[in-house]
Amino acid sequence: MNAIWLILVIIVWLLKPEQATHCKLTPKGMENKSVNTNLTWEEYKLFAEFYKFFLDFGLKANVFFYAITGAILTILYNPSTS
């Protein structure tokens, strides 16, 4: 289980949205023109959806891990199969 959490933490750390705020991408030919940077609420919504995805993925991975572990333990320690 620790390996699953470690992988999830590494994925979130590598893809965290704060890294994208340091470099603003501009279309080719638009480098010197003014760009509207008042996108705080849109960015907030995007980041919230991003983290909701990873929270949902983490919970599903955890439930899957416990389901598989429970199935294996049930098969191994069920007295009716012995």
Protein backbone atom coordinates (compact mmCIF):
# COMPACT_ATOMS: atom_id res chain seq x y z
CA MET A 1 0.00 0.00 0.00
CA ASN A 2 2.88 2.33 0.72
CA ALA A 3 4.08 1.86 -2.84
CA ILE A 4 0.71 3.03 -4.21
CA TRP A 5 0.78 6.18 -2.08
CA LEU A 6 4.40 6.82 -3.04
CA ILE A 7 3.53 6.57 -6.74
CA LEU A 8 0.53 8.89 -6.30
CA VAL A 9 2.61 11.46 -4.41
CA ILE A 10 5.29 11.39 -7.11
CA ILE A 11 2.68 11.84 -9.85
CA VAL A 12 1.06 14.79 -8.06
CA TRP A 13 4.45 16.31 -7.30
CA LEU A 14 5.54 16.03 -10.93
CA LEU A 15 2.28 17.38 -12.34
CA LYS A 16 1.41 19.97 -9.71
CA PRO A 17 -0.22 23.02 -11.23
CA GLU A 18 2.02 25.49 -9.35
CA GLN A 19 4.79 24.66 -11.79
CA ALA A 20 2.66 25.88 -14.68
CA THR A 21 2.13 29.32 -13.10
CA HIS A 22 5.83 30.17 -13.32
CA CYS A 23 5.99 29.95 -17.09
CA LYS A 24 3.28 31.58 -19.15
CA LEU A 25 2.95 30.22 -22.66
CA THR A 26 2.13 32.72 -25.35
CA PRO A 27 1.19 32.01 -28.94
CA LYS A 28 3.81 32.52 -31.63
CA GLY A 29 3.96 36.16 -32.68
CA MET A 30 2.22 37.39 -29.50
CA GLU A 31 5.32 37.78 -27.31
CA ASN A 32 5.29 41.58 -27.20
CA LYS A 33 1.52 42.12 -27.07
CA SER A 34 -0.33 42.52 -23.80
CA VAL A 35 -2.02 39.40 -22.51
CA ASN A 36 -4.91 39.35 -20.04
CA THR A 37 -3.47 37.87 -16.85
CA ASN A 38 -6.64 38.25 -14.79
CA LEU A 39 -7.48 34.56 -14.94
CA THR A 40 -7.37 33.83 -11.24
CA TRP A 41 -10.84 32.29 -10.90
CA GLU A 42 -10.46 30.26 -14.08
CA GLU A 43 -7.09 28.98 -12.91
CA TYR A 44 -8.55 28.19 -9.49
CA LYS A 45 -11.36 26.16 -11.08
CA LEU A 46 -8.86 24.31 -13.27
CA PHE A 47 -6.58 23.50 -10.33
CA ALA A 48 -9.55 22.36 -8.22
CA GLU A 49 -10.67 19.98 -10.97
CA PHE A 50 -7.09 18.75 -11.32
CA TYR A 51 -6.80 17.90 -7.63
CA LYS A 52 -10.30 16.39 -7.55
CA PHE A 53 -9.18 13.99 -10.28
CA PHE A 54 -6.13 12.90 -8.29
CA LEU A 55 -8.14 12.57 -5.07
CA ASP A 56 -10.69 10.42 -6.87
CA PHE A 57 -7.93 8.33 -8.44
CA GLY A 58 -6.18 7.89 -5.10
CA LEU A 59 -9.36 6.79 -3.36
CA LYS A 60 -10.21 4.31 -6.12
CA ALA A 61 -6.66 2.90 -6.04
CA ASN A 62 -6.88 2.50 -2.26
CA VAL A 63 -10.27 0.75 -2.44
CA PHE A 64 -8.96 -1.53 -5.19
CA PHE A 65 -5.91 -2.41 -3.10
CA TYR A 66 -8.01 -3.31 -0.06
CA ALA A 67 -10.50 -5.27 -2.16
CA ILE A 68 -7.73 -7.39 -3.69
CA THR A 69 -6.07 -7.86 -0.30
CA GLY A 70 -9.39 -8.85 1.28
CA ALA A 71 -10.10 -11.33 -1.50
CA ILE A 72 -6.70 -12.95 -1.11
CA LEU A 73 -7.01 -13.16 2.69
CA THR A 74 -10.53 -14.59 2.37
CA ILE A 75 -9.30 -17.32 0.06
CA LEU A 76 -6.30 -18.13 2.26
CA TYR A 77 -8.02 -18.13 5.65
CA ASN A 78 -11.52 -19.35 4.84
CA PRO A 79 -12.09 -22.49 6.93
CA SER A 80 -14.66 -23.95 4.52
CA THR A 81 -12.07 -24.35 1.74
CA SER A 82 -9.58 -26.24 3.93
